[in-house]
N, C-alpha and C. Protein backbone atom coordinates (compact mmCIF):
# COMPACT_ATOMS: atom_id res chain seq x y z
N MET A 1 -0.91 -14.82 7.90
CA MET A 1 -1.32 -14.39 6.56
C MET A 1 0.36 -13.67 6.46
N GLY A 2 0.75 -14.26 5.26
CA GLY A 2 2.31 -13.39 5.13
C GLY A 2 2.07 -12.72 3.77
N ILE A 3 3.10 -12.24 3.10
CA ILE A 3 2.93 -11.54 1.78
C ILE A 3 3.30 -12.03 0.71
N ASN A 4 3.56 -13.53 0.54
CA ASN A 4 3.02 -14.49 -0.16
C ASN A 4 1.99 -15.03 -0.14
N ASN A 5 1.54 -15.38 1.04
CA ASN A 5 0.01 -15.96 0.59
C ASN A 5 -1.12 -15.14 -0.53
N GLU A 6 -1.39 -15.50 -1.14
CA GLU A 6 -2.61 -14.85 -1.97
C GLU A 6 -4.01 -15.32 -1.39
N ARG A 7 -5.15 -14.07 -1.66
CA ARG A 7 -5.97 -13.88 -1.02
C ARG A 7 -6.60 -13.18 -2.16
N ASP A 8 -8.18 -13.98 -2.06
CA ASP A 8 -9.03 -13.11 -3.33
C ASP A 8 -10.34 -12.46 -2.58
N ILE A 9 -9.70 -11.35 -2.55
CA ILE A 9 -10.45 -10.36 -1.51
C ILE A 9 -10.28 -8.82 -2.34
N GLU A 10 -11.40 -8.34 -2.33
CA GLU A 10 -11.35 -7.25 -3.43
C GLU A 10 -11.27 -5.82 -2.53
N ALA A 11 -10.53 -5.22 -2.71
CA ALA A 11 -10.31 -3.91 -1.67
C ALA A 11 -10.22 -2.68 -2.66
N ASN A 12 -10.81 -1.67 -2.03
CA ASN A 12 -10.11 -0.12 -3.01
C ASN A 12 -9.23 0.48 -1.39
N MET A 13 -8.08 1.11 -3.24
CA MET A 13 -7.33 1.91 -2.19
C MET A 13 -7.42 3.31 -2.70
N GLN A 14 -7.24 4.45 -1.67
CA GLN A 14 -7.27 5.61 -2.10
C GLN A 14 -5.99 6.68 -1.63
N ILE A 15 -5.11 7.32 -2.17
CA ILE A 15 -4.28 8.20 -1.31
C ILE A 15 -3.88 9.25 -1.83
N GLY A 16 -4.47 9.93 -0.46
CA GLY A 16 -3.93 11.60 -0.86
C GLY A 16 -3.84 12.24 0.76
N PRO A 17 -3.93 13.90 0.52
CA PRO A 17 -3.28 14.52 1.40
C PRO A 17 -4.70 14.63 2.42
N THR A 18 -4.73 15.07 3.38
CA THR A 18 -5.32 15.53 4.75
C THR A 18 -5.23 16.91 4.56
N ASP A 19 -6.43 17.50 5.51
CA ASP A 19 -6.34 19.21 5.32
C ASP A 19 -5.46 19.34 6.77
N LEU A 20 -4.99 18.28 7.27
CA LEU A 20 -3.97 18.40 8.62
C LEU A 20 -2.50 17.87 7.61
N GLY A 21 -2.05 18.00 6.46
CA GLY A 21 -1.24 18.39 6.20
C GLY A 21 -0.28 16.54 6.58
N MET A 22 -1.00 15.41 6.29
CA MET A 22 -0.84 14.28 6.47
C MET A 22 -1.07 13.43 5.05
N VAL A 23 -0.28 12.82 5.03
CA VAL A 23 -0.89 11.69 3.78
C VAL A 23 -1.27 10.38 4.44
N ARG A 24 -2.86 10.51 3.48
CA ARG A 24 -3.59 9.26 4.15
C ARG A 24 -3.91 8.17 2.93
N ILE A 25 -3.58 6.87 3.56
CA ILE A 25 -4.06 5.49 2.51
C ILE A 25 -4.82 4.84 3.27
N PHE A 26 -5.98 5.37 1.85
CA PHE A 26 -7.49 4.65 3.07
C PHE A 26 -7.55 3.18 2.14
N ILE A 27 -8.02 2.60 2.25
CA ILE A 27 -8.46 1.31 2.14
C ILE A 27 -9.76 0.59 2.68
N GLU A 28 -10.74 0.13 1.75
CA GLU A 28 -11.55 -0.34 2.07
C GLU A 28 -12.10 -1.67 1.28
N ALA A 29 -12.19 -2.58 1.98
CA ALA A 29 -12.99 -3.89 1.94
C ALA A 29 -13.80 -4.40 2.68
N ASN A 30 -14.81 -5.49 1.89
CA ASN A 30 -15.84 -6.01 2.53
C ASN A 30 -16.55 -5.10 4.05
N GLY A 31 -16.78 -3.82 3.39
CA GLY A 31 -17.42 -2.84 4.43
C GLY A 31 -16.51 -2.57 5.59
N VAL A 32 -15.12 -2.84 5.54
CA VAL A 32 -14.41 -2.58 6.57
C VAL A 32 -13.63 -1.41 5.78
N GLU A 33 -13.51 -0.11 6.43
CA GLU A 33 -12.94 0.85 6.50
C GLU A 33 -11.40 1.35 6.98
N ILE A 34 -10.40 1.58 6.24
CA ILE A 34 -8.99 1.45 7.41
C ILE A 34 -8.26 2.80 6.72
N PRO A 35 -8.43 3.42 7.43
CA PRO A 35 -7.47 4.93 6.92
C PRO A 35 -5.86 4.83 7.99
N MET A 36 -4.99 5.35 6.93
CA MET A 36 -3.70 5.42 7.69
C MET A 36 -3.54 6.44 7.17
N ASP A 37 -2.64 7.36 8.51
CA ASP A 37 -2.34 9.02 8.55
C ASP A 37 -0.70 8.66 8.57
N PHE A 38 0.02 9.14 7.45
CA PHE A 38 1.55 9.02 8.26
C PHE A 38 1.86 10.74 7.46
N GLU A 39 3.06 11.33 8.32
CA GLU A 39 3.53 12.14 8.25
C GLU A 39 4.20 12.48 6.66
N PRO A 40 4.48 13.23 6.20
CA PRO A 40 4.96 13.47 4.70
C PRO A 40 6.60 12.48 4.68
N GLU A 41 7.31 12.83 5.71
CA GLU A 41 8.50 11.85 5.69
C GLU A 41 8.09 10.54 5.54
N GLU A 42 7.41 10.05 6.49
CA GLU A 42 6.99 8.50 6.31
C GLU A 42 6.25 8.32 5.22
N ALA A 43 5.65 9.17 4.50
CA ALA A 43 4.82 8.64 3.44
C ALA A 43 5.70 8.54 1.98
N GLU A 44 7.36 9.39 2.20
CA GLU A 44 8.23 9.07 1.15
C GLU A 44 8.97 7.60 1.46
N GLU A 45 9.19 7.28 2.93
CA GLU A 45 10.19 6.01 3.34
C GLU A 45 9.14 4.82 2.85
N ILE A 46 7.57 5.08 2.92
CA ILE A 46 6.77 3.98 2.28
C ILE A 46 6.93 4.18 0.97
N ALA A 47 6.97 5.24 0.33
CA ALA A 47 7.01 5.01 -1.64
C ALA A 47 8.50 4.88 -1.55
N GLU A 48 9.76 4.85 -0.98
CA GLU A 48 10.88 4.04 -1.51
C GLU A 48 10.41 2.35 -1.28
N GLU A 49 9.84 2.38 -0.19
CA GLU A 49 9.75 0.56 -0.09
C GLU A 49 9.08 0.36 -0.94
N ILE A 50 7.74 1.12 -1.70
CA ILE A 50 6.85 0.44 -2.99
C ILE A 50 7.95 0.46 -4.19
N ARG A 51 9.03 1.23 -4.37
CA ARG A 51 9.69 1.51 -5.95
C ARG A 51 11.13 0.08 -5.56
N ALA A 52 11.42 0.21 -4.58
CA ALA A 52 12.19 -1.57 -4.42
C ALA A 52 11.45 -2.46 -3.93
N ALA A 53 10.18 -2.90 -4.10
CA ALA A 53 9.95 -3.75 -4.15
C ALA A 53 9.40 -3.95 -5.45
N ILE A 54 8.71 -3.19 -6.13
CA ILE A 54 8.74 -3.14 -7.63
C ILE A 54 10.24 -3.79 -8.39
N ILE A 55 10.99 -3.00 -7.91
CA ILE A 55 12.54 -3.45 -8.72
C ILE A 55 12.87 -5.21 -7.95
N ALA A 56 12.24 -5.25 -7.30
CA ALA A 56 12.68 -6.86 -6.82
C ALA A 56 11.52 -7.53 -7.45
N ALA A 57 10.30 -7.29 -7.52
CA ALA A 57 9.27 -8.25 -7.93
C ALA A 57 9.75 -8.40 -9.70
N ARG A 58 10.38 -7.40 -10.49
CA ARG A 58 10.72 -7.65 -11.34
C ARG A 58 11.49 -8.33 -12.43
N SER A 59 12.68 -8.35 -11.03
CA SER A 59 13.69 -9.79 -11.36
C SER A 59 13.16 -11.11 -11.27
N VAL A 60 12.22 -11.25 -10.42
CA VAL A 60 11.57 -12.37 -10.13
C VAL A 60 10.77 -13.09 -11.15
N LYS A 61 11.20 -14.10 -11.59
CA LYS A 61 11.03 -15.18 -12.43
C LYS A 61 9.57 -15.87 -12.40
N LYS A 62 8.68 -15.26 -13.00
CA LYS A 62 7.59 -15.72 -13.42
C LYS A 62 6.87 -17.08 -13.30
N ARG A 63 6.40 -17.82 -12.17
CA ARG A 63 5.93 -18.89 -12.52
C ARG A 63 4.57 -19.32 -13.44
N ARG A 64 4.54 -20.25 -14.11
CA ARG A 64 3.19 -20.45 -14.87
C ARG A 64 2.51 -22.10 -14.96
């Protein structure tokens, strides 16, 4: 599966701080739970990548 392969899967995502000072991205789909913990600096890098992807996605001409 690649970044451009669409899938019809519903998932829930939660993002928040843990009591250990980490940033947790928690994903649940089809009964599978995936907790991913990041140092705050790593989470900032992820946020920057998301922001860059937003900018790139806005510049793509949408297919109809």
